[in-house]
Amino acid sequence: MNLALLLRGVCRRLGDKPAVTDGSHTLSYHVFGERTARIAGSFVSMGLTRGDRVVLAMENCGEFLECLFACWTAGLCAVPVNAKLHAREIEHIATDSGARLMITTPGLWSSLAKLTDTVEYLKAVICTRSEDYDCLLRSEPMVPIVTEPKDRAWLFYTSGTTGKPKGAILSHRNLLFMCHAYYADIDSLDHKDVKLHAGPLSHASGLYALPHMLKGGHQVILPSFDVDQIVDASNQFQNLTMFAAPTMLTRLVHSPAVKNFRVENLKTIYYGGGPMYVADLERALSIFGPRLYHLYGQGESPMTITGMTKAMHASPRSPEDFRTCGVPRTGVAVRVVDDQDRDLPVGEPGEVITRSDCVMEGYWNNPKATAEALRGGWLHTGDIGSLDGDGYLTLRDRSKDLIISGGSNIYPREIEEVLLRHPDVIEASVVGRPHPEWGEEVVAFVVTRPGAKVDTAALDALCLENIARFKRPKDYRFVESLPKNNYGKILKTELRAILQKEKQAESGTQ
């Protein structure tokens, strides 16, 4: 079940085929496999043992994939981290996971190099494109070890309601099931397929590198989302597949450069991670045709809960289908339940729960959160949705006050706790406001001490010192008090209503 062992077979059969292109540099499967095996040998020679965690805090680059498979070759557990996170957030993940090694990239090196001084078990931080990284390639190559299906492969850190991210434990079985569901529901693949990575490899784009690599597909890695580079890739490669968060897809279809996109070279765009406006989806379909796949998943069940196929996009039952997340994926059970986990009637909203071989083992070192999320043997997603008579799932709302901006999950309490560090801030409540490009943007309602004058620049600086830039509020509202119920709980629904009313008034004056 070791994914690296499966890749080794691909490298043997398709050694001369392109595996990874990063900029103008391409590695064949033979070379990629050799580098992966040598890096794994170096990990072992450094004293890392089966099950140890390795943090991959890396910008998009080819080395991410070779380090990922090197971890699995040596029987280690990879901990991919969003490169946009603040150094303090990455420090927490390294500490919480008990990581013994971190691999990073030149753009992050200066902020992460000293983490060996503050993270207890961290032996070293190694930067790509350096002599230290080159040394990893000088060890003798090792054969992938035999693993058990439930051996841990990937710790996927996802934000929690306390503001501290939780590590969803994904096994080799989970990831292989995810790949099989891809083949069953989205596309059959072979060595002629090209996977374009314009989103972070640490998340949705990188997860679906796996089904492509296990079939010998070619990975083409862009440093970030760039419309011109995506259009160039469409002119250079055939059988092209890419991930796009709704905000990315919206930017792509509204860019003047999209007129130069070679649609005949596009095989699939799979999108998810947030709400997609119907008008933008219809525009995407008019440009790309029936090449879109909408997926709904979570880090706890990576990429694999429900999906809306290309055929469903091409021939919807009605325009309302575009507001749904499609039907349960192959081998996946989905229910909508009340607070007692009893199934609800068709059309009635409740919590979405799921069960499959894709669902995580639990949260790393967090038995309480694990018991809550997996009670009764089902993953409780925290999302509110409803099922229709044909089994189509529509998400109605998100519990836990999650904000999704640009495809990234943002939990308000994390930001609120930072704002409350300011000596003159006595209360803060953060909500999402609809945004035409990003899906949602962060707005903070702030109550200050009587007579105090708080500068928004100071609050910005406080946020930038502690959390990722994309989580920083785009708007601060200073209010005398926050709306609360009889138990003192802040009524965020009223705050959202204020923003919604403002938007409606603004629309009425335009």
Protein backbone atom coordinates (compact mmCIF):
# COMPACT_ATOMS: atom_id res chain seq x y z
CA MET A 1 0.00 0.00 0.00
CA ASN A 2 3.02 2.32 0.15
CA LEU A 3 2.37 5.02 -2.45
CA ALA A 4 6.11 5.32 -3.03
CA LEU A 5 6.27 1.63 -3.91
CA LEU A 6 3.51 2.17 -6.48
CA LEU A 7 5.44 5.12 -7.91
CA ARG A 8 8.56 2.95 -8.18
CA GLY A 9 6.67 0.70 -10.57
CA VAL A 10 5.73 3.74 -12.68
CA CYS A 11 9.38 4.85 -12.79
CA ARG A 12 10.39 1.43 -14.03
CA ARG A 13 7.77 1.26 -16.78
CA LEU A 14 7.84 4.88 -17.91
CA GLY A 15 11.35 5.97 -17.01
CA ASP A 16 11.88 8.06 -20.14
CA LYS A 17 8.57 9.96 -19.81
CA PRO A 18 8.47 13.46 -18.26
CA ALA A 19 7.56 13.40 -14.58
CA VAL A 20 7.96 16.98 -13.32
CA THR A 21 8.55 20.31 -15.06
CA ASP A 22 9.47 23.28 -12.88
CA GLY A 23 10.16 26.36 -14.98
CA SER A 24 12.35 25.27 -17.91
CA HIS A 25 13.70 22.22 -16.06
CA THR A 26 12.14 18.78 -16.62
CA LEU A 27 12.87 15.52 -14.80
CA SER A 28 12.07 12.16 -16.34
CA TYR A 29 10.45 9.49 -14.19
CA HIS A 30 13.77 7.65 -14.04
CA VAL A 31 15.59 10.72 -12.70
CA PHE A 32 12.72 11.69 -10.41
CA GLY A 33 12.64 8.20 -8.91
CA GLU A 34 16.41 8.19 -8.41
CA ARG A 35 16.36 11.57 -6.65
CA THR A 36 13.45 10.51 -4.45
CA ALA A 37 15.23 7.30 -3.42
CA ARG A 38 18.46 9.17 -2.57
CA ILE A 39 16.67 11.82 -0.50
CA ALA A 40 14.90 9.04 1.38
CA GLY A 41 18.25 7.40 2.08
CA SER A 42 19.52 10.68 3.48
CA PHE A 43 16.48 11.00 5.73
CA VAL A 44 17.25 7.59 7.20
CA SER A 45 20.96 8.35 7.59
CA MET A 46 19.98 11.49 9.55
CA GLY A 47 18.34 9.23 12.11
CA LEU A 48 14.71 9.60 11.06
CA THR A 49 12.71 6.45 11.72
CA ARG A 50 9.41 5.04 10.55
CA GLY A 51 6.49 7.31 11.39
CA ASP A 52 8.57 10.44 12.05
CA ARG A 53 7.08 13.67 10.71
CA VAL A 54 8.73 15.93 8.12
CA VAL A 55 7.30 19.42 7.56
CA LEU A 56 7.25 20.56 3.92
CA ALA A 57 6.96 24.34 4.24
CA MET A 58 7.59 25.02 0.59
CA GLU A 59 6.59 27.36 -2.18
CA ASN A 60 5.49 25.63 -5.37
CA CYS A 61 8.46 23.77 -6.83
CA GLY A 62 9.42 20.36 -8.15
CA GLU A 63 11.30 19.54 -4.97
CA PHE A 64 7.99 19.42 -3.07
CA LEU A 65 6.93 16.28 -4.92
CA GLU A 66 10.29 14.53 -4.63
CA CYS A 67 10.42 15.26 -0.88
CA LEU A 68 6.83 14.05 -0.48
CA PHE A 69 7.59 10.70 -2.10
CA ALA A 70 10.96 10.53 -0.31
CA CYS A 71 9.09 10.69 2.99
CA TRP A 72 6.94 7.75 1.96
CA THR A 73 9.91 5.81 0.60
CA ALA A 74 11.48 6.01 4.07
CA GLY A 75 8.19 5.29 5.87
CA LEU A 76 7.87 8.84 7.18
CA CYS A 77 4.80 11.04 7.48
CA ALA A 78 4.78 14.27 5.46
CA VAL A 79 3.34 17.48 6.92
CA PRO A 80 2.73 19.82 3.97
CA VAL A 81 2.18 23.44 5.02
CA ASN A 82 0.67 26.38 3.16
CA ALA A 83 3.58 28.66 2.23
CA LYS A 84 1.36 31.70 2.88
CA LEU A 85 1.19 31.01 6.61
CA HIS A 86 3.01 33.22 9.08
CA ALA A 87 6.24 31.82 10.56
CA ARG A 88 4.55 31.58 13.98
CA GLU A 89 1.76 29.47 12.49
CA ILE A 90 4.31 27.16 10.85
CA GLU A 91 6.16 26.99 14.16
CA HIS A 92 2.98 25.81 15.86
CA ILE A 93 2.41 23.09 13.26
CA ALA A 94 6.01 21.89 13.56
CA THR A 95 5.70 21.81 17.35
CA ASP A 96 2.28 20.18 17.42
CA SER A 97 3.27 17.46 14.94
CA GLY A 98 6.55 16.75 16.74
CA ALA A 99 8.39 17.21 13.44
CA ARG A 100 12.04 16.20 13.36
CA LEU A 101 12.90 17.79 10.02
CA MET A 102 11.67 20.70 7.91
CA ILE A 103 12.28 21.29 4.22
CA THR A 104 11.71 24.83 2.97
CA THR A 105 12.45 27.04 -0.04
CA PRO A 106 14.57 30.18 -0.55
CA GLY A 107 11.65 32.59 -0.21
CA LEU A 108 10.81 31.24 3.27
CA TRP A 109 14.29 30.38 4.51
CA SER A 110 15.02 33.59 6.42
CA SER A 111 11.84 33.35 8.52
CA LEU A 112 12.05 29.60 9.22
CA ALA A 113 15.76 28.84 9.57
CA LYS A 114 15.85 29.49 13.34
CA LEU A 115 12.93 27.24 14.23
CA THR A 116 15.40 24.61 15.41
CA ASP A 117 15.92 26.92 18.40
CA THR A 118 12.23 26.96 19.37
CA VAL A 119 10.73 23.65 18.16
CA GLU A 120 11.70 20.92 20.59
CA TYR A 121 12.22 17.92 18.35
CA LEU A 122 13.24 19.69 15.14
CA LYS A 123 16.73 18.51 14.13
CA ALA A 124 17.25 20.67 11.04
CA VAL A 125 15.70 23.08 8.55
CA ILE A 126 17.00 22.42 5.04
CA CYS A 127 16.49 24.83 2.15
CA THR A 128 16.14 23.72 -1.47
CA ARG A 129 18.63 25.05 -4.05
CA SER A 130 21.34 24.92 -1.39
CA GLU A 131 24.39 22.80 -0.63
CA ASP A 132 22.54 21.16 2.25
CA TYR A 133 19.80 20.06 -0.11
CA ASP A 134 22.32 18.87 -2.68
CA CYS A 135 23.86 16.71 0.05
CA LEU A 136 20.53 14.89 0.38
CA LEU A 137 21.01 13.66 -3.19
CA ARG A 138 24.39 12.02 -2.46
CA SER A 139 23.15 9.15 -0.33
CA GLU A 140 22.71 5.68 -1.68
CA PRO A 141 19.18 5.22 -3.05
CA MET A 142 16.86 3.12 -0.93
CA VAL A 143 13.97 0.84 -1.88
CA PRO A 144 10.60 1.95 -0.49
CA ILE A 145 9.80 0.17 2.75
CA VAL A 146 6.69 -1.96 3.03
CA THR A 147 3.97 -0.11 4.93
CA GLU A 148 0.60 -1.06 6.32
CA PRO A 149 -2.53 0.46 4.75
CA LYS A 150 -3.22 2.48 7.89
CA ASP A 151 0.32 3.84 8.23
CA ARG A 152 0.27 7.62 8.37
CA ALA A 153 1.24 9.35 5.15
CA TRP A 154 0.08 12.99 5.34
CA LEU A 155 -0.85 15.26 8.25
CA PHE A 156 -3.25 17.79 6.75
CA TYR A 157 -3.47 20.78 9.08
CA THR A 158 -6.84 22.48 8.98
CA SER A 159 -7.94 25.40 11.14
CA GLY A 160 -10.12 24.69 14.17
CA THR A 161 -12.68 26.73 16.03
CA THR A 162 -10.14 27.54 18.72
CA GLY A 163 -7.91 29.21 16.14
CA LYS A 164 -5.28 26.48 16.49
CA PRO A 165 -4.98 24.24 13.43
CA LYS A 166 -5.64 20.51 13.85
CA GLY A 167 -3.72 17.82 11.99
CA ALA A 168 -6.02 15.44 10.11
CA ILE A 169 -4.22 12.08 9.92
CA LEU A 170 -4.36 10.68 6.39
CA SER A 171 -3.12 7.16 5.77
CA HIS A 172 -1.80 5.51 2.63
CA ARG A 173 -5.21 3.83 2.37
CA ASN A 174 -6.98 7.21 2.53
CA LEU A 175 -4.86 8.67 -0.25
CA LEU A 176 -5.07 5.58 -2.45
CA PHE A 177 -8.86 5.56 -2.07
CA MET A 178 -8.84 9.24 -3.08
CA CYS A 179 -6.90 8.30 -6.23
CA HIS A 180 -9.27 5.45 -7.09
CA ALA A 181 -12.26 7.78 -6.64
CA TYR A 182 -10.58 10.18 -9.07
CA TYR A 183 -10.29 7.45 -11.70
CA ALA A 184 -13.88 6.34 -11.09
CA ASP A 185 -15.55 9.75 -11.07
CA ILE A 186 -13.42 12.34 -12.85
CA ASP A 187 -11.04 10.94 -15.47
CA SER A 188 -9.12 7.91 -16.59
CA LEU A 189 -5.43 8.83 -16.81
CA ASP A 190 -2.18 7.73 -18.45
CA HIS A 191 1.27 9.07 -19.27
CA LYS A 192 -0.17 11.46 -21.89
CA ASP A 193 -1.99 13.48 -19.22
CA VAL A 194 -0.55 16.74 -17.91
CA LYS A 195 -1.39 18.10 -14.45
CA LEU A 196 -0.90 21.86 -14.23
CA HIS A 197 -0.30 23.19 -10.71
CA ALA A 198 -1.28 26.84 -10.30
CA GLY A 199 -2.52 26.46 -6.72
CA PRO A 200 -0.52 25.46 -3.62
CA LEU A 201 0.92 21.95 -3.77
CA SER A 202 0.25 21.65 -0.03
CA HIS A 203 -3.50 21.47 -0.66
CA ALA A 204 -5.98 20.56 -3.41
CA SER A 205 -3.61 20.86 -6.34
CA GLY A 206 -0.94 18.71 -4.72
CA LEU A 207 -3.37 16.07 -3.48
CA TYR A 208 -4.50 15.42 -7.03
CA ALA A 209 -0.91 15.21 -8.19
CA LEU A 210 -1.08 11.70 -6.73
CA PRO A 211 -3.61 10.06 -9.10
CA HIS A 212 -1.72 11.60 -12.01
CA MET A 213 1.72 10.46 -10.86
CA LEU A 214 0.54 6.93 -10.12
CA LYS A 215 -0.50 6.73 -13.78
CA GLY A 216 2.68 8.33 -15.12
CA GLY A 217 1.21 11.78 -15.79
CA HIS A 218 3.38 14.85 -16.31
CA GLN A 219 3.36 17.45 -13.48
CA VAL A 220 3.86 21.04 -14.65
CA ILE A 221 4.40 23.38 -11.70
CA LEU A 222 3.83 27.14 -11.73
CA PRO A 223 5.14 29.25 -8.84
CA SER A 224 1.66 30.70 -8.26
CA PHE A 225 -1.64 31.44 -9.94
CA ASP A 226 -0.90 33.57 -13.01
CA VAL A 227 -3.39 33.83 -15.87
CA ASP A 228 -0.77 34.51 -18.52
CA GLN A 229 1.29 31.49 -17.46
CA ILE A 230 -1.81 29.29 -17.46
CA VAL A 231 -2.69 30.46 -20.97
CA ASP A 232 0.90 29.77 -22.08
CA ALA A 233 0.64 26.25 -20.66
CA SER A 234 -2.58 25.68 -22.61
CA ASN A 235 -0.66 26.46 -25.78
CA GLN A 236 2.25 24.20 -24.86
CA PHE A 237 0.62 21.05 -23.45
CA GLN A 238 -2.23 18.75 -24.40
CA ASN A 239 -4.58 16.78 -22.14
CA LEU A 240 -4.26 19.48 -19.51
CA THR A 241 -5.92 19.25 -16.08
CA MET A 242 -5.78 21.87 -13.33
CA PHE A 243 -7.35 22.77 -10.00
CA ALA A 244 -9.01 26.14 -9.52
CA ALA A 245 -10.58 27.55 -6.41
CA PRO A 246 -13.73 29.46 -7.40
CA THR A 247 -11.85 32.76 -7.10
CA MET A 248 -9.14 31.45 -9.44
CA LEU A 249 -11.69 30.25 -11.98
CA THR A 250 -13.49 33.60 -11.81
CA ARG A 251 -10.27 35.52 -12.39
CA LEU A 252 -9.40 33.26 -15.30
CA VAL A 253 -12.73 33.58 -17.13
CA HIS A 254 -12.86 37.36 -16.68
CA SER A 255 -9.29 37.96 -17.83
CA PRO A 256 -8.83 39.37 -21.36
CA ALA A 257 -6.02 36.83 -21.79
CA VAL A 258 -8.47 33.91 -21.71
CA LYS A 259 -9.28 34.54 -25.37
CA ASN A 260 -5.85 33.05 -26.14
CA PHE A 261 -6.51 29.88 -24.12
CA ARG A 262 -6.25 26.75 -26.29
CA VAL A 263 -9.46 25.10 -25.12
CA GLU A 264 -8.90 22.05 -27.32
CA ASN A 265 -5.86 21.21 -25.15
CA LEU A 266 -7.87 21.31 -21.92
CA LYS A 267 -9.12 18.05 -20.47
CA THR A 268 -10.46 19.04 -17.03
CA ILE A 269 -10.72 21.91 -14.57
CA TYR A 270 -11.78 20.64 -11.17
CA TYR A 271 -12.93 23.35 -8.80
CA GLY A 272 -14.06 23.57 -5.18
CA GLY A 273 -13.17 24.99 -1.80
CA GLY A 274 -15.84 27.67 -1.66
CA PRO A 275 -19.00 29.07 -3.23
CA MET A 276 -19.09 29.56 -7.00
CA TYR A 277 -21.43 32.23 -8.33
CA VAL A 278 -23.77 30.77 -10.96
CA ALA A 279 -23.12 33.60 -13.42
CA ASP A 280 -19.37 32.98 -13.26
CA LEU A 281 -19.89 29.23 -13.65
CA GLU A 282 -22.06 29.76 -16.71
CA ARG A 283 -19.38 32.02 -18.19
CA ALA A 284 -16.75 29.33 -17.52
CA LEU A 285 -18.91 26.73 -19.27
CA SER A 286 -19.38 29.04 -22.26
CA ILE A 287 -15.58 29.37 -22.57
CA PHE A 288 -14.35 25.89 -21.68
CA GLY A 289 -17.34 23.75 -22.53
CA PRO A 290 -18.17 20.58 -20.54
CA ARG A 291 -14.71 20.23 -19.04
CA LEU A 292 -15.57 21.27 -15.47
CA TYR A 293 -15.85 19.06 -12.39
CA HIS A 294 -17.13 20.46 -9.08
CA LEU A 295 -15.91 18.64 -6.00
CA TYR A 296 -16.80 18.94 -2.34
CA GLY A 297 -14.42 17.58 0.26
CA GLN A 298 -12.46 18.52 3.35
CA GLY A 299 -8.95 17.93 4.61
CA GLU A 300 -10.52 15.27 6.82
CA SER A 301 -11.81 13.47 3.71
CA PRO A 302 -9.48 14.85 1.06
CA MET A 303 -11.25 16.00 -2.08
CA THR A 304 -13.78 13.20 -1.77
CA ILE A 305 -17.33 13.64 -0.45
CA THR A 306 -19.55 14.65 -3.39
CA GLY A 307 -19.00 15.73 -6.96
CA MET A 308 -20.78 17.24 -9.95
CA THR A 309 -19.51 15.54 -13.07
CA LYS A 310 -18.75 17.02 -16.48
CA ALA A 311 -21.90 15.38 -17.80
CA MET A 312 -23.97 17.02 -15.06
CA HIS A 313 -22.49 20.38 -16.03
CA ALA A 314 -23.28 19.73 -19.68
CA SER A 315 -26.87 18.54 -19.11
CA PRO A 316 -28.20 19.82 -15.77
CA ARG A 317 -31.66 18.84 -14.65
CA SER A 318 -32.30 22.56 -14.18
CA PRO A 319 -30.22 25.72 -13.63
CA GLU A 320 -30.56 25.08 -9.89
CA ASP A 321 -28.13 22.16 -10.26
CA PHE A 322 -25.30 24.69 -10.53
CA ARG A 323 -25.99 25.61 -6.90
CA THR A 324 -25.40 22.03 -5.77
CA CYS A 325 -22.26 20.02 -5.02
CA GLY A 326 -23.46 17.03 -7.03
CA VAL A 327 -23.86 13.50 -5.71
CA PRO A 328 -21.83 11.23 -3.40
CA ARG A 329 -18.53 10.04 -4.87
CA THR A 330 -17.98 6.39 -5.74
CA GLY A 331 -17.67 4.36 -2.53
CA VAL A 332 -18.72 7.31 -0.36
CA ALA A 333 -21.80 7.48 1.89
CA VAL A 334 -23.33 10.89 2.61
CA ARG A 335 -26.18 11.74 5.00
CA VAL A 336 -27.84 14.89 6.31
CA VAL A 337 -28.78 14.61 9.97
CA ASP A 338 -30.21 16.50 12.91
CA ASP A 339 -28.41 17.16 16.19
CA GLN A 340 -29.16 13.58 17.28
CA ASP A 341 -27.64 12.16 14.08
CA ARG A 342 -31.05 11.12 12.79
CA ASP A 343 -31.58 11.28 9.02
CA LEU A 344 -33.61 14.27 7.88
CA PRO A 345 -36.27 14.25 5.14
CA VAL A 346 -35.48 15.27 1.58
CA GLY A 347 -34.90 19.00 1.32
CA GLU A 348 -34.57 19.63 5.05
CA PRO A 349 -31.24 21.19 6.07
CA GLY A 350 -28.98 19.62 8.66
CA GLU A 351 -25.36 18.66 9.22
CA VAL A 352 -23.59 16.83 6.40
CA ILE A 353 -21.86 13.64 7.55
CA THR A 354 -19.88 11.14 5.49
CA ARG A 355 -18.20 7.75 5.70
CA SER A 356 -15.67 6.10 3.36
CA ASP A 357 -12.12 4.81 3.22
CA CYS A 358 -11.11 8.40 2.49
CA VAL A 359 -12.07 9.65 5.96
CA MET A 360 -9.15 10.45 8.25
CA GLU A 361 -8.01 8.32 11.19
CA GLY A 362 -8.55 11.30 13.47
CA TYR A 363 -6.79 14.48 14.59
CA TRP A 364 -3.17 14.31 15.66
CA ASN A 365 -2.84 14.22 19.45
CA ASN A 366 -6.39 15.55 19.87
CA PRO A 367 -8.66 12.75 21.12
CA LYS A 368 -11.42 15.14 22.16
CA ALA A 369 -11.72 16.71 18.71
CA THR A 370 -11.43 13.26 17.11
CA ALA A 371 -14.26 11.84 19.20
CA GLU A 372 -16.48 14.80 18.33
CA ALA A 373 -15.73 14.74 14.59
CA LEU A 374 -15.99 10.94 14.17
CA ARG A 375 -18.80 10.12 16.57
CA GLY A 376 -20.84 7.14 15.52
CA GLY A 377 -18.26 6.20 12.90
CA TRP A 378 -19.16 9.10 10.60
CA LEU A 379 -17.20 12.26 9.82
CA HIS A 380 -19.24 15.26 10.97
CA THR A 381 -18.26 17.96 8.50
CA GLY A 382 -19.75 20.91 10.38
CA ASP A 383 -21.36 22.01 7.08
CA ILE A 384 -25.09 22.55 6.81
CA GLY A 385 -26.76 21.18 3.69
CA SER A 386 -29.71 19.30 2.27
CA LEU A 387 -30.21 16.37 -0.09
CA ASP A 388 -32.83 16.30 -2.81
CA GLY A 389 -34.74 13.27 -4.04
CA ASP A 390 -32.00 12.36 -6.54
CA GLY A 391 -29.22 12.56 -3.94
CA TYR A 392 -27.79 15.94 -4.98
CA LEU A 393 -26.25 17.82 -2.06
CA THR A 394 -26.74 21.56 -1.64
CA LEU A 395 -24.70 23.34 1.03
CA ARG A 396 -26.91 25.82 2.82
CA ASP A 397 -24.49 27.35 5.29
CA ARG A 398 -21.26 26.66 7.11
CA SER A 399 -21.19 26.06 10.81
CA LYS A 400 -18.42 27.25 13.11
CA ASP A 401 -18.41 30.63 11.35
CA LEU A 402 -15.88 29.54 8.76
CA ILE A 403 -14.88 32.20 6.22
CA ILE A 404 -13.64 31.03 2.81
CA SER A 405 -11.62 33.66 0.96
CA GLY A 406 -9.79 32.83 -2.22
CA GLY A 407 -10.26 29.12 -1.54
CA SER A 408 -8.50 29.40 1.84
CA ASN A 409 -10.26 28.58 5.11
CA ILE A 410 -10.20 31.36 7.70
CA TYR A 411 -11.56 30.92 11.23
CA PRO A 412 -12.63 34.16 12.91
CA ARG A 413 -11.59 33.28 16.45
CA GLU A 414 -7.95 33.07 15.39
CA ILE A 415 -8.11 36.69 14.19
CA GLU A 416 -10.19 37.83 17.15
CA GLU A 417 -7.60 36.51 19.59
CA VAL A 418 -4.90 38.52 17.83
CA LEU A 419 -6.95 41.73 17.82
CA LEU A 420 -7.65 41.33 21.53
CA ARG A 421 -3.92 41.56 22.23
CA HIS A 422 -4.17 45.29 21.57
CA PRO A 423 -4.39 46.98 24.98
CA ASP A 424 -7.28 49.24 23.92
CA VAL A 425 -9.43 46.57 22.28
CA ILE A 426 -11.92 45.01 24.70
CA GLU A 427 -14.08 43.03 22.24
CA ALA A 428 -13.74 41.86 18.66
CA SER A 429 -15.92 39.81 16.35
CA VAL A 430 -14.91 38.75 12.85
CA VAL A 431 -17.29 37.76 10.05
CA GLY A 432 -17.16 37.24 6.31
CA ARG A 433 -18.60 39.69 3.80
CA PRO A 434 -19.46 38.52 0.26
CA HIS A 435 -16.88 39.56 -2.31
CA PRO A 436 -17.34 39.18 -6.09
CA GLU A 437 -13.77 37.96 -6.70
CA TRP A 438 -12.61 36.29 -3.48
CA GLY A 439 -15.91 34.76 -2.41
CA GLU A 440 -15.69 36.39 1.01
CA GLU A 441 -13.51 39.00 2.68
CA VAL A 442 -12.75 39.43 6.37
CA VAL A 443 -14.46 42.22 8.33
CA ALA A 444 -13.72 42.90 12.01
CA PHE A 445 -16.16 44.60 14.37
CA VAL A 446 -14.15 46.15 17.21
CA VAL A 447 -15.12 47.60 20.58
CA THR A 448 -12.46 49.80 22.19
CA ARG A 449 -11.94 51.10 25.70
CA PRO A 450 -13.94 54.29 26.40
CA GLY A 451 -12.09 57.30 25.08
CA ALA A 452 -9.41 55.27 23.32
CA LYS A 453 -8.37 55.98 19.74
CA VAL A 454 -7.20 52.82 18.00
CA ASP A 455 -5.37 53.19 14.71
CA THR A 456 -6.31 50.59 12.09
CA ALA A 457 -2.68 50.55 10.97
CA ALA A 458 -1.75 49.29 14.45
CA LEU A 459 -4.30 46.50 14.18
CA ASP A 460 -2.98 45.61 10.74
CA ALA A 461 0.56 45.47 12.09
CA LEU A 462 -0.57 43.27 14.99
CA CYS A 463 -2.20 40.83 12.57
CA LEU A 464 0.79 40.74 10.26
CA GLU A 465 3.04 39.91 13.21
CA ASN A 466 0.98 36.86 14.15
CA ILE A 467 -1.09 35.45 11.28
CA ALA A 468 -0.91 35.06 7.52
CA ARG A 469 -1.51 38.17 5.43
CA PHE A 470 -4.57 36.70 3.69
CA LYS A 471 -6.33 36.41 7.08
CA ARG A 472 -5.94 40.10 7.93
CA PRO A 473 -9.26 42.01 8.03
CA LYS A 474 -9.98 44.10 4.95
CA ASP A 475 -12.29 46.37 6.91
CA TYR A 476 -12.52 47.43 10.58
CA ARG A 477 -15.79 48.61 12.06
CA PHE A 478 -15.52 50.42 15.40
CA VAL A 479 -18.75 50.02 17.37
CA GLU A 480 -19.89 50.85 20.90
CA SER A 481 -21.09 47.31 21.58
CA LEU A 482 -21.64 43.94 19.91
CA PRO A 483 -25.09 42.33 19.63
CA LYS A 484 -25.51 39.45 22.10
CA ASN A 485 -28.12 36.99 23.22
CA ASN A 486 -29.28 36.40 26.80
CA TYR A 487 -26.31 34.17 27.48
CA GLY A 488 -23.81 36.78 26.36
CA LYS A 489 -22.96 35.06 23.08
CA ILE A 490 -22.16 37.44 20.24
CA LEU A 491 -24.78 37.25 17.49
CA LYS A 492 -22.69 37.10 14.35
CA THR A 493 -25.84 36.66 12.28
CA GLU A 494 -26.75 40.26 13.15
CA LEU A 495 -23.30 41.48 12.16
CA ARG A 496 -23.61 39.73 8.82
CA ALA A 497 -27.08 41.24 8.42
CA ILE A 498 -25.61 44.73 8.87
CA LEU A 499 -23.10 44.09 6.09
CA GLN A 500 -25.77 42.57 3.86
CA LYS A 501 -28.06 45.58 4.39
CA GLU A 502 -25.20 47.94 3.50
CA LYS A 503 -24.53 45.98 0.33
CA GLN A 504 -28.19 46.11 -0.67
CA ALA A 505 -28.32 49.86 -0.01
CA GLU A 506 -25.17 50.34 -2.05
CA SER A 507 -26.62 48.33 -4.92
CA GLY A 508 -29.78 50.42 -4.81
CA THR A 509 -27.84 53.66 -5.28
CA GLN A 510 -25.84 52.40 -8.25
